[in-house]
Full PDB file with SEQRES, HELIX, SHEET, SSBOND, CRYST1, ORIGX, SCALE, CONECT and MASTER records, all heavy atoms in Angstrom:
SEQRES   1 A   42  ALA ALA TRP THR THR GLY ASP ARG LEU LYS ALA ALA ALA          
SEQRES   2 A   42  ASP LYS TRP GLY LYS LYS CYS ILE ALA ASN SER ARG PHE          
SEQRES   3 A   42  LEU TRP THR ASP PRO THR GLU ILE ASN GLN ALA LEU ALA          
SEQRES   4 A   42  SER GLY GLU                                                  
HELIX    1 AA1 GLY A    6  ALA A   12  1                                   7    
HELIX    2 AA2 ALA A   13  GLY A   17  3                                   5    
HELIX    3 AA3 LYS A   18  ASN A   23  1                                   6    
HELIX    4 AA4 PRO A   31  SER A   40  1                                  10    
CRYST1    1.000    1.000    1.000  90.00  90.00  90.00 P 1           1          
ORIGX1      1.000000  0.000000  0.000000        0.00000                         
ORIGX2      0.000000  1.000000  0.000000        0.00000                         
ORIGX3      0.000000  0.000000  1.000000        0.00000                         
SCALE1      1.000000  0.000000  0.000000        0.00000                         
SCALE2      0.000000  1.000000  0.000000        0.00000                         
SCALE3      0.000000  0.000000  1.000000        0.00000                         
ATOM      1  N   ALA A   1     -83.895 115.002-241.333  1.00  0.00           N  
ATOM      2  CA  ALA A   1     -83.248 114.249-240.263  1.00  0.00           C  
ATOM      3  C   ALA A   1     -83.328 112.748-240.531  1.00  0.00           C  
ATOM      4  O   ALA A   1     -82.356 112.010-240.331  1.00  0.00           O  
ATOM      5  CB  ALA A   1     -83.891 114.582-238.925  1.00  0.00           C  
ATOM      6  N   ALA A   2     -84.491 112.294-240.994  1.00  0.00           N  
ATOM      7  CA  ALA A   2     -84.683 110.860-241.249  1.00  0.00           C  
ATOM      8  C   ALA A   2     -83.787 110.355-242.377  1.00  0.00           C  
ATOM      9  O   ALA A   2     -83.390 109.185-242.384  1.00  0.00           O  
ATOM     10  CB  ALA A   2     -86.144 110.592-241.588  1.00  0.00           C  
ATOM     11  N   TRP A   3     -83.455 111.233-243.326  1.00  0.00           N  
ATOM     12  CA  TRP A   3     -82.643 110.841-244.480  1.00  0.00           C  
ATOM     13  C   TRP A   3     -81.162 111.195-244.310  1.00  0.00           C  
ATOM     14  O   TRP A   3     -80.371 111.041-245.239  1.00  0.00           O  
ATOM     15  CB  TRP A   3     -83.188 111.480-245.755  1.00  0.00           C  
ATOM     16  CG  TRP A   3     -84.398 110.787-246.291  1.00  0.00           C  
ATOM     17  CD1 TRP A   3     -85.692 110.980-245.929  1.00  0.00           C  
ATOM     18  CD2 TRP A   3     -84.424 109.754-247.292  1.00  0.00           C  
ATOM     19  NE1 TRP A   3     -86.531 110.140-246.633  1.00  0.00           N  
ATOM     20  CE2 TRP A   3     -85.782 109.384-247.483  1.00  0.00           C  
ATOM     21  CE3 TRP A   3     -83.437 109.116-248.047  1.00  0.00           C  
ATOM     22  CZ2 TRP A   3     -86.173 108.394-248.389  1.00  0.00           C  
ATOM     23  CZ3 TRP A   3     -83.822 108.128-248.958  1.00  0.00           C  
ATOM     24  CH2 TRP A   3     -85.179 107.780-249.123  1.00  0.00           C  
ATOM     25  N   THR A   4     -80.772 111.642-243.134  1.00  0.00           N  
ATOM     26  CA  THR A   4     -79.369 112.003-242.890  1.00  0.00           C  
ATOM     27  C   THR A   4     -78.469 110.773-242.914  1.00  0.00           C  
ATOM     28  O   THR A   4     -78.792 109.747-242.313  1.00  0.00           O  
ATOM     29  CB  THR A   4     -79.227 112.725-241.532  1.00  0.00           C  
ATOM     30  OG1 THR A   4     -79.944 113.957-241.585  1.00  0.00           O  
ATOM     31  CG2 THR A   4     -77.773 113.006-241.204  1.00  0.00           C  
ATOM     32  N   THR A   5     -77.352 110.881-243.606  1.00  0.00           N  
ATOM     33  CA  THR A   5     -76.417 109.758-243.731  1.00  0.00           C  
ATOM     34  C   THR A   5     -74.974 110.258-243.604  1.00  0.00           C  
ATOM     35  O   THR A   5     -74.720 111.436-243.403  1.00  0.00           O  
ATOM     36  CB  THR A   5     -76.573 109.054-245.086  1.00  0.00           C  
ATOM     37  OG1 THR A   5     -76.350 110.013-246.141  1.00  0.00           O  
ATOM     38  CG2 THR A   5     -77.952 108.452-245.249  1.00  0.00           C  
ATOM     39  N   GLY A   6     -74.042 109.332-243.738  1.00  0.00           N  
ATOM     40  CA  GLY A   6     -72.618 109.672-243.814  1.00  0.00           C  
ATOM     41  C   GLY A   6     -72.063 110.325-242.561  1.00  0.00           C  
ATOM     42  O   GLY A   6     -72.465 110.029-241.438  1.00  0.00           O  
ATOM     43  N   ASP A   7     -71.134 111.251-242.775  1.00  0.00           N  
ATOM     44  CA  ASP A   7     -70.445 111.903-241.660  1.00  0.00           C  
ATOM     45  C   ASP A   7     -71.406 112.691-240.781  1.00  0.00           C  
ATOM     46  O   ASP A   7     -71.212 112.784-239.566  1.00  0.00           O  
ATOM     47  CB  ASP A   7     -69.350 112.830-242.199  1.00  0.00           C  
ATOM     48  CG  ASP A   7     -68.191 112.068-242.822  1.00  0.00           C  
ATOM     49  OD1 ASP A   7     -68.058 110.865-242.521  1.00  0.00           O  
ATOM     50  OD2 ASP A   7     -67.445 112.677-243.616  1.00  0.00           O  
ATOM     51  N   ARG A   8     -72.439 113.263-241.412  1.00  0.00           N  
ATOM     52  CA  ARG A   8     -73.390 114.050-240.634  1.00  0.00           C  
ATOM     53  C   ARG A   8     -74.163 113.155-239.669  1.00  0.00           C  
ATOM     54  O   ARG A   8     -74.461 113.562-238.544  1.00  0.00           O  
ATOM     55  CB  ARG A   8     -74.350 114.776-241.578  1.00  0.00           C  
ATOM     56  CG  ARG A   8     -75.109 115.912-240.913  1.00  0.00           C  
ATOM     57  CD  ARG A   8     -75.829 116.777-241.924  1.00  0.00           C  
ATOM     58  NE  ARG A   8     -76.377 117.970-241.306  1.00  0.00           N  
ATOM     59  CZ  ARG A   8     -77.058 118.905-241.964  1.00  0.00           C  
ATOM     60  NH1 ARG A   8     -77.259 118.775-243.272  1.00  0.00           N  
ATOM     61  NH2 ARG A   8     -77.527 119.956-241.332  1.00  0.00           N  
ATOM     62  N   LEU A   9     -74.497 111.949-240.105  1.00  0.00           N  
ATOM     63  CA  LEU A   9     -75.194 111.004-239.230  1.00  0.00           C  
ATOM     64  C   LEU A   9     -74.284 110.580-238.082  1.00  0.00           C  
ATOM     65  O   LEU A   9     -74.721 110.525-236.925  1.00  0.00           O  
ATOM     66  CB  LEU A   9     -75.643 109.782-240.033  1.00  0.00           C  
ATOM     67  CG  LEU A   9     -76.333 108.664-239.248  1.00  0.00           C  
ATOM     68  CD1 LEU A   9     -77.640 109.162-238.638  1.00  0.00           C  
ATOM     69  CD2 LEU A   9     -76.601 107.447-240.143  1.00  0.00           C  
ATOM     70  N   LYS A  10     -73.031 110.300-238.389  1.00  0.00           N  
ATOM     71  CA  LYS A  10     -72.087 109.872-237.351  1.00  0.00           C  
ATOM     72  C   LYS A  10     -71.846 110.986-236.338  1.00  0.00           C  
ATOM     73  O   LYS A  10     -71.742 110.745-235.130  1.00  0.00           O  
ATOM     74  CB  LYS A  10     -70.767 109.445-237.992  1.00  0.00           C  
ATOM     75  CG  LYS A  10     -70.877 108.165-238.819  1.00  0.00           C  
ATOM     76  CD  LYS A  10     -69.560 107.814-239.475  1.00  0.00           C  
ATOM     77  CE  LYS A  10     -69.697 106.557-240.339  1.00  0.00           C  
ATOM     78  NZ  LYS A  10     -68.428 106.245-241.045  1.00  0.00           N  
ATOM     79  N   ALA A  11     -71.783 112.223-236.830  1.00  0.00           N  
ATOM     80  CA  ALA A  11     -71.585 113.356-235.921  1.00  0.00           C  
ATOM     81  C   ALA A  11     -72.799 113.533-235.009  1.00  0.00           C  
ATOM     82  O   ALA A  11     -72.652 113.821-233.813  1.00  0.00           O  
ATOM     83  CB  ALA A  11     -71.336 114.632-236.732  1.00  0.00           C  
ATOM     84  N   ALA A  12     -73.994 113.333-235.585  1.00  0.00           N  
ATOM     85  CA  ALA A  12     -75.215 113.447-234.791  1.00  0.00           C  
ATOM     86  C   ALA A  12     -75.290 112.330-233.750  1.00  0.00           C  
ATOM     87  O   ALA A  12     -75.742 112.547-232.621  1.00  0.00           O  
ATOM     88  CB  ALA A  12     -76.433 113.397-235.702  1.00  0.00           C  
ATOM     89  N   ALA A  13     -74.831 111.147-234.126  1.00  0.00           N  
ATOM     90  CA  ALA A  13     -74.826 110.024-233.187  1.00  0.00           C  
ATOM     91  C   ALA A  13     -73.878 110.317-232.034  1.00  0.00           C  
ATOM     92  O   ALA A  13     -74.168 110.001-230.869  1.00  0.00           O  
ATOM     93  CB  ALA A  13     -74.409 108.745-233.901  1.00  0.00           C  
ATOM     94  N   ASP A  14     -72.753 110.937-232.356  1.00  0.00           N  
ATOM     95  CA  ASP A  14     -71.760 111.256-231.337  1.00  0.00           C  
ATOM     96  C   ASP A  14     -72.278 112.345-230.398  1.00  0.00           C  
ATOM     97  O   ASP A  14     -72.067 112.284-229.182  1.00  0.00           O  
ATOM     98  CB  ASP A  14     -70.464 111.725-232.014  1.00  0.00           C  
ATOM     99  CG  ASP A  14     -69.312 111.818-231.029  1.00  0.00           C  
ATOM    100  OD1 ASP A  14     -69.004 110.811-230.366  1.00  0.00           O  
ATOM    101  OD2 ASP A  14     -68.730 112.914-230.906  1.00  0.00           O  
ATOM    102  N   LYS A  15     -72.979 113.325-230.956  1.00  0.00           N  
ATOM    103  CA  LYS A  15     -73.486 114.446-230.162  1.00  0.00           C  
ATOM    104  C   LYS A  15     -74.776 114.110-229.423  1.00  0.00           C  
ATOM    105  O   LYS A  15     -74.892 114.359-228.217  1.00  0.00           O  
ATOM    106  CB  LYS A  15     -73.705 115.653-231.067  1.00  0.00           C  
ATOM    107  CG  LYS A  15     -74.306 116.862-230.352  1.00  0.00           C  
ATOM    108  CD  LYS A  15     -74.555 118.014-231.329  1.00  0.00           C  
ATOM    109  CE  LYS A  15     -75.198 119.209-230.631  1.00  0.00           C  
ATOM    110  NZ  LYS A  15     -75.453 120.339-231.575  1.00  0.00           N  
ATOM    111  N   TRP A  16     -75.740 113.561-230.148  1.00  0.00           N  
ATOM    112  CA  TRP A  16     -77.075 113.349-229.599  1.00  0.00           C  
ATOM    113  C   TRP A  16     -77.343 111.906-229.157  1.00  0.00           C  
ATOM    114  O   TRP A  16     -77.956 111.673-228.116  1.00  0.00           O  
ATOM    115  CB  TRP A  16     -78.137 113.766-230.614  1.00  0.00           C  
ATOM    116  CG  TRP A  16     -78.109 115.220-230.963  1.00  0.00           C  
ATOM    117  CD1 TRP A  16     -77.685 115.778-232.132  1.00  0.00           C  
ATOM    118  CD2 TRP A  16     -78.503 116.313-230.124  1.00  0.00           C  
ATOM    119  NE1 TRP A  16     -77.791 117.149-232.092  1.00  0.00           N  
ATOM    120  CE2 TRP A  16     -78.304 117.501-230.868  1.00  0.00           C  
ATOM    121  CE3 TRP A  16     -79.015 116.408-228.836  1.00  0.00           C  
ATOM    122  CZ2 TRP A  16     -78.589 118.769-230.359  1.00  0.00           C  
ATOM    123  CZ3 TRP A  16     -79.301 117.659-228.318  1.00  0.00           C  
ATOM    124  CH2 TRP A  16     -79.088 118.822-229.076  1.00  0.00           C  
ATOM    125  N   GLY A  17     -76.904 110.943-229.968  1.00  0.00           N  
ATOM    126  CA  GLY A  17     -77.167 109.547-229.642  1.00  0.00           C  
ATOM    127  C   GLY A  17     -76.552 109.133-228.315  1.00  0.00           C  
ATOM    128  O   GLY A  17     -77.206 108.512-227.469  1.00  0.00           O  
ATOM    129  N   LYS A  18     -75.289 109.506-228.126  1.00  0.00           N  
ATOM    130  CA  LYS A  18     -74.601 109.147-226.882  1.00  0.00           C  
ATOM    131  C   LYS A  18     -75.258 109.803-225.663  1.00  0.00           C  
ATOM    132  O   LYS A  18     -75.390 109.191-224.606  1.00  0.00           O  
ATOM    133  CB  LYS A  18     -73.133 109.553-226.963  1.00  0.00           C  
ATOM    134  CG  LYS A  18     -72.301 108.695-227.909  1.00  0.00           C  
ATOM    135  CD  LYS A  18     -70.848 109.150-227.917  1.00  0.00           C  
ATOM    136  CE  LYS A  18     -69.996 108.292-228.841  1.00  0.00           C  
ATOM    137  NZ  LYS A  18     -68.591 108.747-228.886  1.00  0.00           N  
ATOM    138  N   LYS A  19     -75.665 111.061-225.823  1.00  0.00           N  
ATOM    139  CA  LYS A  19     -76.291 111.771-224.717  1.00  0.00           C  
ATOM    140  C   LYS A  19     -77.634 111.136-224.348  1.00  0.00           C  
ATOM    141  O   LYS A  19     -77.964 110.980-223.171  1.00  0.00           O  
ATOM    142  CB  LYS A  19     -76.501 113.242-225.095  1.00  0.00           C  
ATOM    143  CG  LYS A  19     -77.254 114.076-224.071  1.00  0.00           C  
ATOM    144  CD  LYS A  19     -76.533 114.141-222.724  1.00  0.00           C  
ATOM    145  CE  LYS A  19     -75.291 115.002-222.799  1.00  0.00           C  
ATOM    146  NZ  LYS A  19     -74.658 115.169-221.454  1.00  0.00           N  
ATOM    147  N   CYS A  20     -78.405 110.751-225.364  1.00  0.00           N  
ATOM    148  CA  CYS A  20     -79.704 110.117-225.138  1.00  0.00           C  
ATOM    149  C   CYS A  20     -79.540 108.794-224.400  1.00  0.00           C  
ATOM    150  O   CYS A  20     -80.282 108.493-223.458  1.00  0.00           O  
ATOM    151  CB  CYS A  20     -80.390 109.902-226.489  1.00  0.00           C  
ATOM    152  SG  CYS A  20     -82.005 109.132-226.397  1.00  0.00           S  
ATOM    153  N   ILE A  21     -78.546 108.019-224.811  1.00  0.00           N  
ATOM    154  CA  ILE A  21     -78.286 106.728-224.170  1.00  0.00           C  
ATOM    155  C   ILE A  21     -77.825 106.931-222.733  1.00  0.00           C  
ATOM    156  O   ILE A  21     -78.287 106.265-221.804  1.00  0.00           O  
ATOM    157  CB  ILE A  21     -77.225 105.932-224.959  1.00  0.00           C  
ATOM    158  CG1 ILE A  21     -77.768 105.547-226.339  1.00  0.00           C  
ATOM    159  CG2 ILE A  21     -76.809 104.676-224.192  1.00  0.00           C  
ATOM    160  CD1 ILE A  21     -76.721 104.963-227.276  1.00  0.00           C  
ATOM    161  N   ALA A  22     -76.907 107.880-222.538  1.00  0.00           N  
ATOM    162  CA  ALA A  22     -76.357 108.133-221.203  1.00  0.00           C  
ATOM    163  C   ALA A  22     -77.428 108.616-220.232  1.00  0.00           C  
ATOM    164  O   ALA A  22     -77.421 108.253-219.049  1.00  0.00           O  
ATOM    165  CB  ALA A  22     -75.228 109.161-221.296  1.00  0.00           C  
ATOM    166  N   ASN A  23     -78.371 109.419-220.713  1.00  0.00           N  
ATOM    167  CA  ASN A  23     -79.398 109.969-219.832  1.00  0.00           C  
ATOM    168  C   ASN A  23     -80.543 109.004-219.565  1.00  0.00           C  
ATOM    169  O   ASN A  23     -81.284 109.163-218.593  1.00  0.00           O  
ATOM    170  CB  ASN A  23     -79.965 111.264-220.423  1.00  0.00           C  
ATOM    171  CG  ASN A  23     -79.041 112.452-220.187  1.00  0.00           C  
ATOM    172  OD1 ASN A  23     -77.963 112.306-219.616  1.00  0.00           O  
ATOM    173  ND2 ASN A  23     -79.455 113.622-220.632  1.00  0.00           N  
ATOM    174  N   SER A  24     -80.707 108.021-220.436  1.00  0.00           N  
ATOM    175  CA  SER A  24     -81.807 107.063-220.268  1.00  0.00           C  
ATOM    176  C   SER A  24     -81.479 106.058-219.167  1.00  0.00           C  
ATOM    177  O   SER A  24     -80.393 105.468-219.157  1.00  0.00           O  
ATOM    178  CB  SER A  24     -82.073 106.315-221.573  1.00  0.00           C  
ATOM    179  OG  SER A  24     -82.612 107.180-222.549  1.00  0.00           O  
ATOM    180  N   ARG A  25     -82.418 105.885-218.272  1.00  0.00           N  
ATOM    181  CA  ARG A  25     -82.226 104.864-217.228  1.00  0.00           C  
ATOM    182  C   ARG A  25     -82.121 103.495-217.881  1.00  0.00           C  
ATOM    183  O   ARG A  25     -81.360 102.631-217.439  1.00  0.00           O  
ATOM    184  CB  ARG A  25     -83.378 104.905-216.222  1.00  0.00           C  
ATOM    185  CG  ARG A  25     -83.154 104.026-215.006  1.00  0.00           C  
ATOM    186  CD  ARG A  25     -84.152 104.316-213.919  1.00  0.00           C  
ATOM    187  NE  ARG A  25     -83.877 103.575-212.701  1.00  0.00           N  
ATOM    188  CZ  ARG A  25     -83.034 103.987-211.762  1.00  0.00           C  
ATOM    189  NH1 ARG A  25     -82.382 105.117-211.912  1.00  0.00           N  
ATOM    190  NH2 ARG A  25     -82.847 103.259-210.672  1.00  0.00           N  
ATOM    191  N   PHE A  26     -82.888 103.313-218.936  1.00  0.00           N  
ATOM    192  CA  PHE A  26     -82.795 102.112-219.770  1.00  0.00           C  
ATOM    193  C   PHE A  26     -83.418 102.444-221.121  1.00  0.00           C  
ATOM    194  O   PHE A  26     -84.272 103.335-221.225  1.00  0.00           O  
ATOM    195  CB  PHE A  26     -83.505 100.908-219.130  1.00  0.00           C  
ATOM    196  CG  PHE A  26     -84.944 101.151-218.787  1.00  0.00           C  
ATOM    197  CD1 PHE A  26     -85.958 100.920-219.730  1.00  0.00           C  
ATOM    198  CD2 PHE A  26     -85.315 101.598-217.524  1.00  0.00           C  
ATOM    199  CE1 PHE A  26     -87.289 101.146-219.414  1.00  0.00           C  
ATOM    200  CE2 PHE A  26     -86.649 101.827-217.201  1.00  0.00           C  
ATOM    201  CZ  PHE A  26     -87.635 101.604-218.147  1.00  0.00           C  
ATOM    202  N   LEU A  27     -82.992 101.754-222.158  1.00  0.00           N  
ATOM    203  CA  LEU A  27     -83.600 101.857-223.478  1.00  0.00           C  
ATOM    204  C   LEU A  27     -84.643 100.761-223.552  1.00  0.00           C  
ATOM    205  O   LEU A  27     -84.321  99.577-223.390  1.00  0.00           O  
ATOM    206  CB  LEU A  27     -82.544 101.682-224.582  1.00  0.00           C  
ATOM    207  CG  LEU A  27     -81.453 102.749-224.644  1.00  0.00           C  
ATOM    208  CD1 LEU A  27     -80.370 102.333-225.651  1.00  0.00           C  
ATOM    209  CD2 LEU A  27     -82.019 104.113-225.027  1.00  0.00           C  
ATOM    210  N   TRP A  28     -85.891 101.125-223.768  1.00  0.00           N  
ATOM    211  CA  TRP A  28     -86.950 100.128-223.664  1.00  0.00           C  
ATOM    212  C   TRP A  28     -87.280  99.467-225.004  1.00  0.00           C  
ATOM    213  O   TRP A  28     -87.117 100.045-226.063  1.00  0.00           O  
ATOM    214  CB  TRP A  28     -88.199 100.702-223.024  1.00  0.00           C  
ATOM    215  CG  TRP A  28     -88.959 101.752-223.783  1.00  0.00           C  
ATOM    216  CD1 TRP A  28     -88.808 103.106-223.718  1.00  0.00           C  
ATOM    217  CD2 TRP A  28     -90.050 101.519-224.694  1.00  0.00           C  
ATOM    218  NE1 TRP A  28     -89.715 103.735-224.535  1.00  0.00           N  
ATOM    219  CE2 TRP A  28     -90.481 102.790-225.144  1.00  0.00           C  
ATOM    220  CE3 TRP A  28     -90.692 100.383-225.171  1.00  0.00           C  
ATOM    221  CZ2 TRP A  28     -91.547 102.946-226.051  1.00  0.00           C  
ATOM    222  CZ3 TRP A  28     -91.740 100.527-226.069  1.00  0.00           C  
ATOM    223  CH2 TRP A  28     -92.154 101.787-226.502  1.00  0.00           C  
ATOM    224  N   THR A  29     -87.755  98.224-224.905  1.00  0.00           N  
ATOM    225  CA  THR A  29     -88.200  97.462-226.066  1.00  0.00           C  
ATOM    226  C   THR A  29     -89.624  96.946-225.895  1.00  0.00           C  
ATOM    227  O   THR A  29     -90.269  96.563-226.859  1.00  0.00           O  
ATOM    228  CB  THR A  29     -87.272  96.247-226.326  1.00  0.00           C  
ATOM    229  OG1 THR A  29     -87.227  95.428-225.151  1.00  0.00           O  
ATOM    230  CG2 THR A  29     -85.866  96.713-226.679  1.00  0.00           C  
ATOM    231  N   ASP A  30     -90.110  96.937-224.660  1.00  0.00           N  
ATOM    232  CA  ASP A  30     -91.456  96.469-224.331  1.00  0.00           C  
ATOM    233  C   ASP A  30     -92.145  97.576-223.534  1.00  0.00           C  
ATOM    234  O   ASP A  30     -91.605  98.019-222.515  1.00  0.00           O  
ATOM    235  CB  ASP A  30     -91.373  95.182-223.504  1.00  0.00           C  
ATOM    236  CG  ASP A  30     -92.730  94.562-223.209  1.00  0.00           C  
ATOM    237  OD1 ASP A  30     -93.733  95.313-223.167  1.00  0.00           O  
ATOM    238  OD2 ASP A  30     -92.803  93.340-223.007  1.00  0.00           O  
ATOM    239  N   PRO A  31     -93.312  98.053-223.975  1.00  0.00           N  
ATOM    240  CA  PRO A  31     -93.970  99.160-223.264  1.00  0.00           C  
ATOM    241  C   PRO A  31     -94.285  98.888-221.802  1.00  0.00           C  
ATOM    242  O   PRO A  31     -94.418  99.822-221.014  1.00  0.00           O  
ATOM    243  CB  PRO A  31     -95.247  99.404-224.073  1.00  0.00           C  
ATOM    244  CG  PRO A  31     -95.456  98.175-224.893  1.00  0.00           C  
ATOM    245  CD  PRO A  31     -94.086  97.650-225.161  1.00  0.00           C  
ATOM    246  N   THR A  32     -94.377  97.617-221.421  1.00  0.00           N  
ATOM    247  CA  THR A  32     -94.636  97.325-220.010  1.00  0.00           C  
ATOM    248  C   THR A  32     -93.483  97.816-219.130  1.00  0.00           C  
ATOM    249  O   THR A  32     -93.696  98.132-217.949  1.00  0.00           O  
ATOM    250  CB  THR A  32     -94.845  95.818-219.771  1.00  0.00           C  
ATOM    251  OG1 THR A  32     -93.702  95.091-220.245  1.00  0.00           O  
ATOM    252  CG2 THR A  32     -96.073  95.312-220.500  1.00  0.00           C  
ATOM    253  N   GLU A  33     -92.287  97.907-219.699  1.00  0.00           N  
ATOM    254  CA  GLU A  33     -91.128  98.391-218.941  1.00  0.00           C  
ATOM    255  C   GLU A  33     -91.335  99.839-218.500  1.00  0.00           C  
ATOM    256  O   GLU A  33     -91.095 100.193-217.341  1.00  0.00           O  
ATOM    257  CB  GLU A  33     -89.864  98.303-219.795  1.00  0.00           C  
ATOM    258  CG  GLU A  33     -89.440  96.907-220.200  1.00  0.00           C  
ATOM    259  CD  GLU A  33     -88.235  96.921-221.131  1.00  0.00           C  
ATOM    260  OE1 GLU A  33     -88.406  97.191-222.337  1.00  0.00           O  
ATOM    261  OE2 GLU A  33     -87.105  96.683-220.640  1.00  0.00           O  
ATOM    262  N   ILE A  34     -91.774 100.690-219.432  1.00  0.00           N  
ATOM    263  CA  ILE A  34     -91.960 102.099-219.069  1.00  0.00           C  
ATOM    264  C   ILE A  34     -93.249 102.308-218.291  1.00  0.00           C  
ATOM    265  O   ILE A  34     -93.325 103.215-217.456  1.00  0.00           O  
ATOM    266  CB  ILE A  34     -91.909 103.020-220.306  1.00  0.00           C  
ATOM    267  CG1 ILE A  34     -92.888 102.545-221.396  1.00  0.00           C  
ATOM    268  CG2 ILE A  34     -90.496 103.126-220.825  1.00  0.00           C  
ATOM    269  CD1 ILE A  34     -93.068 103.561-222.516  1.00  0.00           C  
ATOM    270  N   ASN A  35     -94.257 101.485-218.540  1.00  0.00           N  
ATOM    271  CA  ASN A  35     -95.492 101.593-217.758  1.00  0.00           C  
ATOM    272  C   ASN A  35     -95.188 101.416-216.273  1.00  0.00           C  
ATOM    273  O   ASN A  35     -95.646 102.192-215.423  1.00  0.00           O  
ATOM    274  CB  ASN A  35     -96.506 100.532-218.196  1.00  0.00           C  
ATOM    275  CG  ASN A  35     -97.064 100.782-219.583  1.00  0.00           C  
ATOM    276  OD1 ASN A  35     -96.823 101.826-220.185  1.00  0.00           O  
ATOM    277  ND2 ASN A  35     -97.795  99.823-220.112  1.00  0.00           N  
ATOM    278  N   GLN A  36     -94.414 100.389-215.970  1.00  0.00           N  
ATOM    279  CA  GLN A  36     -94.084 100.089-214.582  1.00  0.00           C  
ATOM    280  C   GLN A  36     -93.157 101.146-213.990  1.00  0.00           C  
ATOM    281  O   GLN A  36     -93.325 101.566-212.844  1.00  0.00           O  
ATOM    282  CB  GLN A  36     -93.442  98.701-214.490  1.00  0.00           C  
ATOM    283  CG  GLN A  36     -94.388  97.570-214.850  1.00  0.00           C  
ATOM    284  CD  GLN A  36     -93.694  96.234-215.034  1.00  0.00           C  
ATOM    285  OE1 GLN A  36     -92.476  96.137-214.891  1.00  0.00           O  
ATOM    286  NE2 GLN A  36     -94.458  95.206-215.363  1.00  0.00           N  
ATOM    287  N   ALA A  37     -92.175 101.589-214.797  1.00  0.00           N  
ATOM    288  CA  ALA A  37     -91.197 102.564-214.299  1.00  0.00           C  
ATOM    289  C   ALA A  37     -91.838 103.934-214.058  1.00  0.00           C  
ATOM    290  O   ALA A  37     -91.506 104.622-213.089  1.00  0.00           O  
ATOM    291  CB  ALA A  37     -90.028 102.683-215.270  1.00  0.00           C  
ATOM    292  N   LEU A  38     -92.760 104.336-214.934  1.00  0.00           N  
ATOM    293  CA  LEU A  38     -93.469 105.596-214.740  1.00  0.00           C  
ATOM    294  C   LEU A  38     -94.417 105.503-213.550  1.00  0.00           C  
ATOM    295  O   LEU A  38     -94.548 106.443-212.765  1.00  0.00           O  
ATOM    296  CB  LEU A  38     -94.253 105.966-216.003  1.00  0.00           C  
ATOM    297  CG  LEU A  38     -93.458 106.560-217.166  1.00  0.00           C  
ATOM    298  CD1 LEU A  38     -94.294 106.575-218.440  1.00  0.00           C  
ATOM    299  CD2 LEU A  38     -92.975 107.974-216.838  1.00  0.00           C  
ATOM    300  N   ALA A  39     -95.065 104.369-213.407  1.00  0.00           N  
ATOM    301  CA  ALA A  39     -96.013 104.177-212.300  1.00  0.00           C  
ATOM    302  C   ALA A  39     -95.317 104.262-210.950  1.00  0.00           C  
ATOM    303  O   ALA A  39     -95.848 104.840-209.994  1.00  0.00           O  
ATOM    304  CB  ALA A  39     -96.732 102.837-212.452  1.00  0.00           C  
ATOM    305  N   SER A  40     -94.122 103.698-210.858  1.00  0.00           N  
ATOM    306  CA  SER A  40     -93.384 103.686-209.589  1.00  0.00           C  
ATOM    307  C   SER A  40     -92.628 104.978-209.346  1.00  0.00           C  
ATOM    308  O   SER A  40     -92.183 105.238-208.214  1.00  0.00           O  
ATOM    309  CB  SER A  40     -92.393 102.515-209.577  1.00  0.00           C  
ATOM    310  OG  SER A  40     -91.352 102.741-210.532  1.00  0.00           O  
ATOM    311  N   GLY A  41     -92.457 105.794-210.391  1.00  0.00           N  
ATOM    312  CA  GLY A  41     -91.680 107.022-210.253  1.00  0.00           C  
ATOM    313  C   GLY A  41     -90.202 106.804-210.486  1.00  0.00           C  
ATOM    314  O   GLY A  41     -89.387 107.722-210.307  1.00  0.00           O  
ATOM    315  N   GLU A  42     -89.838 105.598-210.905  1.00  0.00           N  
ATOM    316  CA  GLU A  42     -88.433 105.306-211.215  1.00  0.00           C  
ATOM    317  C   GLU A  42     -87.938 106.241-212.330  1.00  0.00           C  
ATOM    318  O   GLU A  42     -86.794 106.689-212.324  1.00  0.00           O  
ATOM    319  CB  GLU A  42     -88.286 103.842-211.647  1.00  0.00           C  
ATOM    320  CG  GLU A  42     -86.871 103.447-212.028  1.00  0.00           C  
ATOM    321  CD  GLU A  42     -86.783 102.032-212.568  1.00  0.00           C  
ATOM    322  OE1 GLU A  42     -87.824 101.330-212.617  1.00  0.00           O  
ATOM    323  OE2 GLU A  42     -85.670 101.622-212.959  1.00  0.00           O  
TER     324      GLU A  42                                                      
MASTER        0    0    0    4    0    0    0    6  323    1    0    4          
END                                                                             
């Protein structure tokens, strides 16, 4: 999976990447974001 490239990578992005983004309330970059969101139940 880590070494997947080309059309297979693009197909996976279309199938899985988009779904992951759509389902995420936000994509985090700082762990304090999820600490606070999990603590509040958001």
